[in-house]
Amino acid sequence: MKLDYKDEFLKIYNENIKREGSDKLLEWILSSDFFKAPASTKFHSAFEGGLVEHSVKAYKRFLLNVKKEFGEEYRDKISDESIAIIGLLHDVCKINFYKQELRNKKDKNGNWIQVPC
């Protein structure tokens, strides 16, 4: 079963990000293409839903690295809120920016079709 990255994003966001204005930011994210957009056009996570998947994975990797470096007392150095903001929101500048691109390719019968890049 494939992980639902939108649900995972929302769970992490709502559990950790509490500062003033975070509710308005989440409203904007929910009204955008964040959960459908690719993270890039040709490189990492260049597929529908790639931006949210990449963001959740970046959060998890960052949290893992922080715990590895500072141990279970990591909160003395950085808050869970900061980790969530850095990991989940590092690519919000890509919202409403990237669209999945298509290219022409011949199928097995020699017919031209459009496929994602």
N, C-alpha and C. Protein backbone atom coordinates (compact mmCIF):
# COMPACT_ATOMS: atom_id res chain seq x y z
N MET A 1 0.85 -1.18 0.00
CA MET A 1 0.00 0.00 0.00
C MET A 1 0.90 1.25 0.00
N LYS A 2 0.61 2.18 -0.89
CA LYS A 2 1.39 3.40 -1.00
C LYS A 2 1.02 4.39 0.11
N LEU A 3 2.05 4.99 0.69
CA LEU A 3 1.84 5.97 1.75
C LEU A 3 1.11 7.19 1.20
N ASP A 4 0.14 7.69 1.94
CA ASP A 4 -0.56 8.91 1.55
C ASP A 4 0.23 10.09 2.10
N TYR A 5 1.04 10.70 1.24
CA TYR A 5 1.93 11.77 1.67
C TYR A 5 1.17 13.02 2.09
N LYS A 6 0.00 13.26 1.53
CA LYS A 6 -0.79 14.42 1.96
C LYS A 6 -1.19 14.24 3.43
N ASP A 7 -1.72 13.09 3.77
CA ASP A 7 -2.11 12.82 5.16
C ASP A 7 -0.92 12.91 6.09
N GLU A 8 0.22 12.36 5.65
CA GLU A 8 1.43 12.39 6.48
C GLU A 8 1.90 13.83 6.68
N PHE A 9 1.90 14.62 5.60
CA PHE A 9 2.28 16.03 5.69
C PHE A 9 1.39 16.76 6.69
N LEU A 10 0.08 16.60 6.55
CA LEU A 10 -0.86 17.30 7.42
C LEU A 10 -0.70 16.87 8.89
N LYS A 11 -0.46 15.60 9.13
CA LYS A 11 -0.26 15.10 10.49
C LYS A 11 0.98 15.74 11.10
N ILE A 12 2.08 15.73 10.40
CA ILE A 12 3.33 16.31 10.90
C ILE A 12 3.14 17.81 11.12
N TYR A 13 2.56 18.49 10.14
CA TYR A 13 2.34 19.94 10.23
C TYR A 13 1.50 20.28 11.45
N ASN A 14 0.35 19.64 11.56
CA ASN A 14 -0.59 19.97 12.65
C ASN A 14 -0.07 19.60 14.03
N GLU A 15 0.74 18.56 14.13
CA GLU A 15 1.30 18.16 15.42
C GLU A 15 2.45 19.07 15.86
N ASN A 16 3.14 19.69 14.91
CA ASN A 16 4.38 20.38 15.25
C ASN A 16 4.38 21.89 15.02
N ILE A 17 3.68 22.36 14.04
CA ILE A 17 3.78 23.78 13.68
C ILE A 17 2.61 24.53 14.29
N LYS A 18 2.92 25.36 15.28
CA LYS A 18 1.88 26.04 16.07
C LYS A 18 2.02 27.56 16.08
N ARG A 19 3.06 28.10 15.46
CA ARG A 19 3.29 29.53 15.60
C ARG A 19 2.23 30.36 14.89
N GLU A 20 2.15 31.61 15.27
CA GLU A 20 1.16 32.53 14.72
C GLU A 20 1.26 32.56 13.19
N GLY A 21 0.13 32.43 12.56
CA GLY A 21 0.07 32.48 11.10
C GLY A 21 0.17 31.13 10.43
N SER A 22 0.51 30.09 11.20
CA SER A 22 0.67 28.77 10.59
C SER A 22 -0.65 28.23 10.04
N ASP A 23 -1.76 28.62 10.65
CA ASP A 23 -3.06 28.20 10.15
C ASP A 23 -3.36 28.85 8.79
N LYS A 24 -2.99 30.10 8.64
CA LYS A 24 -3.19 30.81 7.35
C LYS A 24 -2.28 30.22 6.27
N LEU A 25 -1.05 29.90 6.64
CA LEU A 25 -0.13 29.29 5.68
C LEU A 25 -0.68 27.95 5.23
N LEU A 26 -1.19 27.15 6.16
CA LEU A 26 -1.75 25.85 5.78
C LEU A 26 -2.97 26.02 4.88
N GLU A 27 -3.80 27.00 5.14
CA GLU A 27 -4.94 27.28 4.26
C GLU A 27 -4.46 27.54 2.84
N TRP A 28 -3.42 28.35 2.71
CA TRP A 28 -2.87 28.68 1.39
C TRP A 28 -2.31 27.43 0.72
N ILE A 29 -1.58 26.62 1.48
CA ILE A 29 -1.01 25.39 0.92
C ILE A 29 -2.14 24.48 0.44
N LEU A 30 -3.19 24.35 1.23
CA LEU A 30 -4.32 23.49 0.85
C LEU A 30 -5.04 23.99 -0.40
N SER A 31 -5.00 25.28 -0.64
CA SER A 31 -5.68 25.84 -1.83
C SER A 31 -4.77 25.86 -3.05
N SER A 32 -3.55 25.40 -2.89
CA SER A 32 -2.57 25.43 -3.98
C SER A 32 -2.45 24.05 -4.64
N ASP A 33 -1.45 23.93 -5.50
CA ASP A 33 -1.18 22.65 -6.16
C ASP A 33 -0.13 21.82 -5.42
N PHE A 34 0.19 22.18 -4.19
CA PHE A 34 1.27 21.54 -3.44
C PHE A 34 1.17 20.02 -3.41
N PHE A 35 -0.02 19.49 -3.26
CA PHE A 35 -0.18 18.05 -3.10
C PHE A 35 -0.25 17.30 -4.43
N LYS A 36 -0.31 18.01 -5.52
CA LYS A 36 -0.34 17.39 -6.85
C LYS A 36 0.90 17.69 -7.68
N ALA A 37 1.59 18.78 -7.35
CA ALA A 37 2.70 19.25 -8.17
C ALA A 37 3.92 18.34 -8.08
N PRO A 38 4.71 18.30 -9.15
CA PRO A 38 6.01 17.63 -9.06
C PRO A 38 6.99 18.51 -8.29
N ALA A 39 8.06 17.92 -7.78
CA ALA A 39 9.08 18.69 -7.06
C ALA A 39 10.04 19.35 -8.04
N SER A 40 10.10 18.85 -9.25
CA SER A 40 10.91 19.44 -10.31
C SER A 40 10.33 18.99 -11.64
N THR A 41 10.87 19.51 -12.72
CA THR A 41 10.35 19.11 -14.02
C THR A 41 11.10 17.92 -14.62
N LYS A 42 12.37 17.76 -14.25
CA LYS A 42 13.15 16.70 -14.87
C LYS A 42 13.99 15.89 -13.90
N PHE A 43 14.11 16.33 -12.66
CA PHE A 43 15.03 15.68 -11.74
C PHE A 43 14.28 14.96 -10.61
N HIS A 44 14.62 15.21 -9.37
CA HIS A 44 14.02 14.46 -8.26
C HIS A 44 12.52 14.68 -8.15
N SER A 45 11.81 13.61 -7.95
CA SER A 45 10.36 13.64 -7.69
C SER A 45 9.60 14.40 -8.77
N ALA A 46 9.96 14.17 -10.02
CA ALA A 46 9.33 14.85 -11.16
C ALA A 46 8.08 14.08 -11.61
N PHE A 47 7.14 13.94 -10.70
CA PHE A 47 5.89 13.24 -11.00
C PHE A 47 4.78 13.86 -10.16
N GLU A 48 3.55 13.58 -10.54
CA GLU A 48 2.42 14.14 -9.79
C GLU A 48 2.50 13.71 -8.33
N GLY A 49 2.41 14.68 -7.43
CA GLY A 49 2.51 14.41 -6.00
C GLY A 49 3.95 14.38 -5.49
N GLY A 50 4.90 14.64 -6.37
CA GLY A 50 6.31 14.58 -6.01
C GLY A 50 6.72 15.63 -5.00
N LEU A 51 6.10 16.81 -5.05
CA LEU A 51 6.49 17.89 -4.14
C LEU A 51 6.17 17.54 -2.69
N VAL A 52 4.98 17.03 -2.44
CA VAL A 52 4.63 16.66 -1.07
C VAL A 52 5.43 15.44 -0.62
N GLU A 53 5.63 14.47 -1.51
CA GLU A 53 6.42 13.30 -1.14
C GLU A 53 7.85 13.70 -0.79
N HIS A 54 8.46 14.53 -1.62
CA HIS A 54 9.81 15.01 -1.37
C HIS A 54 9.89 15.77 -0.05
N SER A 55 8.89 16.59 0.24
CA SER A 55 8.89 17.40 1.46
C SER A 55 8.79 16.52 2.71
N VAL A 56 7.94 15.52 2.68
CA VAL A 56 7.80 14.60 3.82
C VAL A 56 9.10 13.81 4.02
N LYS A 57 9.67 13.34 2.92
CA LYS A 57 10.93 12.59 3.03
C LYS A 57 12.06 13.48 3.52
N ALA A 58 12.09 14.74 3.10
CA ALA A 58 13.12 15.67 3.57
C ALA A 58 12.97 15.91 5.07
N TYR A 59 11.74 16.06 5.54
CA TYR A 59 11.48 16.22 6.98
C TYR A 59 12.00 15.01 7.75
N LYS A 60 11.64 13.81 7.29
CA LYS A 60 12.05 12.59 8.00
C LYS A 60 13.56 12.43 8.01
N ARG A 61 14.22 12.74 6.90
CA ARG A 61 15.67 12.63 6.83
C ARG A 61 16.33 13.65 7.76
N PHE A 62 15.80 14.87 7.76
CA PHE A 62 16.35 15.92 8.62
C PHE A 62 16.20 15.54 10.09
N LEU A 63 15.02 15.05 10.47
CA LEU A 63 14.78 14.62 11.85
C LEU A 63 15.75 13.50 12.24
N LEU A 64 15.93 12.54 11.35
CA LEU A 64 16.85 11.44 11.60
C LEU A 64 18.28 11.95 11.80
N ASN A 65 18.70 12.88 10.95
CA ASN A 65 20.05 13.44 11.06
C ASN A 65 20.24 14.25 12.35
N VAL A 66 19.23 15.00 12.72
CA VAL A 66 19.31 15.78 13.97
C VAL A 66 19.42 14.83 15.17
N LYS A 67 18.60 13.79 15.19
CA LYS A 67 18.66 12.82 16.29
C LYS A 67 20.00 12.10 16.31
N LYS A 68 20.52 11.79 15.14
CA LYS A 68 21.82 11.11 15.06
C LYS A 68 22.94 12.00 15.60
N GLU A 69 22.88 13.27 15.28
CA GLU A 69 23.92 14.19 15.72
C GLU A 69 23.81 14.56 17.19
N PHE A 70 22.59 14.81 17.68
CA PHE A 70 22.42 15.33 19.03
C PHE A 70 21.81 14.34 20.02
N GLY A 71 21.37 13.18 19.55
CA GLY A 71 20.76 12.19 20.43
C GLY A 71 19.35 12.60 20.83
N GLU A 72 18.83 11.91 21.81
CA GLU A 72 17.45 12.15 22.24
C GLU A 72 17.28 13.52 22.92
N GLU A 73 18.36 14.18 23.25
CA GLU A 73 18.29 15.53 23.83
C GLU A 73 18.35 16.60 22.73
N TYR A 74 18.04 16.21 21.51
CA TYR A 74 18.13 17.16 20.38
C TYR A 74 17.28 18.40 20.59
N ARG A 75 16.21 18.30 21.36
CA ARG A 75 15.32 19.44 21.57
C ARG A 75 16.01 20.58 22.33
N ASP A 76 17.14 20.28 22.97
CA ASP A 76 17.94 21.34 23.61
C ASP A 76 18.61 22.21 22.55
N LYS A 77 18.73 21.70 21.34
CA LYS A 77 19.40 22.42 20.25
C LYS A 77 18.42 22.99 19.22
N ILE A 78 17.35 22.24 18.93
CA ILE A 78 16.39 22.65 17.90
C ILE A 78 15.01 22.08 18.24
N SER A 79 13.99 22.87 18.05
CA SER A 79 12.64 22.43 18.41
C SER A 79 12.03 21.54 17.32
N ASP A 80 11.06 20.75 17.73
CA ASP A 80 10.32 19.93 16.76
C ASP A 80 9.62 20.82 15.74
N GLU A 81 9.17 21.99 16.18
CA GLU A 81 8.53 22.93 15.26
C GLU A 81 9.52 23.39 14.18
N SER A 82 10.73 23.74 14.58
CA SER A 82 11.73 24.18 13.60
C SER A 82 12.09 23.07 12.63
N ILE A 83 12.21 21.86 13.14
CA ILE A 83 12.51 20.72 12.26
C ILE A 83 11.39 20.54 11.24
N ALA A 84 10.15 20.64 11.67
CA ALA A 84 9.01 20.49 10.76
C ALA A 84 8.98 21.62 9.73
N ILE A 85 9.21 22.84 10.16
CA ILE A 85 9.21 23.98 9.24
C ILE A 85 10.31 23.81 8.20
N ILE A 86 11.51 23.50 8.64
CA ILE A 86 12.63 23.35 7.72
C ILE A 86 12.39 22.20 6.74
N GLY A 87 11.98 21.05 7.27
CA GLY A 87 11.80 19.88 6.42
C GLY A 87 10.60 19.97 5.50
N LEU A 88 9.45 20.29 6.06
CA LEU A 88 8.22 20.29 5.27
C LEU A 88 8.09 21.47 4.33
N LEU A 89 8.62 22.62 4.71
CA LEU A 89 8.33 23.85 3.98
C LEU A 89 9.51 24.40 3.18
N HIS A 90 10.59 23.64 3.07
CA HIS A 90 11.77 24.16 2.39
C HIS A 90 11.55 24.43 0.91
N ASP A 91 10.53 23.84 0.30
CA ASP A 91 10.27 24.04 -1.13
C ASP A 91 8.93 24.71 -1.41
N VAL A 92 8.37 25.46 -0.46
CA VAL A 92 7.08 26.11 -0.73
C VAL A 92 7.19 27.11 -1.88
N CYS A 93 8.40 27.55 -2.19
CA CYS A 93 8.58 28.46 -3.32
C CYS A 93 8.21 27.80 -4.65
N LYS A 94 8.07 26.48 -4.66
CA LYS A 94 7.71 25.75 -5.88
C LYS A 94 6.20 25.62 -6.06
N ILE A 95 5.43 26.06 -5.07
CA ILE A 95 3.97 25.98 -5.18
C ILE A 95 3.51 26.81 -6.37
N ASN A 96 2.61 26.23 -7.14
CA ASN A 96 2.04 26.87 -8.34
C ASN A 96 3.11 27.28 -9.35
N PHE A 97 4.23 26.57 -9.36
CA PHE A 97 5.33 26.91 -10.27
C PHE A 97 5.62 25.78 -11.25
N TYR A 98 5.88 24.58 -10.77
CA TYR A 98 6.20 23.46 -11.65
C TYR A 98 4.95 22.74 -12.09
N LYS A 99 4.94 22.37 -13.33
CA LYS A 99 3.89 21.53 -13.89
C LYS A 99 4.56 20.32 -14.51
N GLN A 100 3.91 19.20 -14.45
CA GLN A 100 4.48 18.02 -15.06
C GLN A 100 4.51 18.22 -16.57
N GLU A 101 5.66 18.01 -17.17
CA GLU A 101 5.82 18.19 -18.60
C GLU A 101 5.62 16.86 -19.32
N LEU A 102 5.17 16.95 -20.55
CA LEU A 102 4.97 15.77 -21.38
C LEU A 102 5.90 15.83 -22.57
N ARG A 103 6.23 14.66 -23.10
CA ARG A 103 7.01 14.60 -24.33
C ARG A 103 6.38 13.54 -25.22
N ASN A 104 6.67 13.64 -26.49
CA ASN A 104 6.15 12.67 -27.44
C ASN A 104 7.08 11.46 -27.51
N LYS A 105 6.45 10.28 -27.60
CA LYS A 105 7.20 9.03 -27.66
C LYS A 105 6.36 8.03 -28.43
N LYS A 106 7.02 7.16 -29.15
CA LYS A 106 6.27 6.11 -29.86
C LYS A 106 5.99 4.95 -28.91
N ASP A 107 4.76 4.43 -28.99
CA ASP A 107 4.43 3.25 -28.20
C ASP A 107 4.91 2.00 -28.91
N LYS A 108 4.60 0.82 -28.38
CA LYS A 108 5.10 -0.43 -28.95
C LYS A 108 4.56 -0.71 -30.36
N ASN A 109 3.47 -0.01 -30.72
CA ASN A 109 2.90 -0.18 -32.06
C ASN A 109 3.37 0.91 -33.03
N GLY A 110 4.24 1.79 -32.59
CA GLY A 110 4.75 2.84 -33.45
C GLY A 110 3.88 4.09 -33.50
N ASN A 111 2.87 4.17 -32.63
CA ASN A 111 2.00 5.34 -32.58
C ASN A 111 2.58 6.36 -31.62
N TRP A 112 2.46 7.65 -31.97
CA TRP A 112 2.94 8.70 -31.09
C TRP A 112 1.98 8.89 -29.92
N ILE A 113 2.57 8.94 -28.72
CA ILE A 113 1.79 9.19 -27.51
C ILE A 113 2.55 10.22 -26.68
N GLN A 114 1.84 10.85 -25.75
CA GLN A 114 2.49 11.78 -24.82
C GLN A 114 2.69 11.08 -23.49
N VAL A 115 3.91 11.19 -22.97
CA VAL A 115 4.25 10.57 -21.69
C VAL A 115 4.94 11.61 -20.82
N PRO A 116 4.85 11.46 -19.51
CA PRO A 116 5.57 12.41 -18.62
C PRO A 116 7.08 12.32 -18.85
N CYS A 117 7.74 13.45 -18.72
CA CYS A 117 9.19 13.48 -18.85
C CYS A 117 9.84 12.84 -17.64
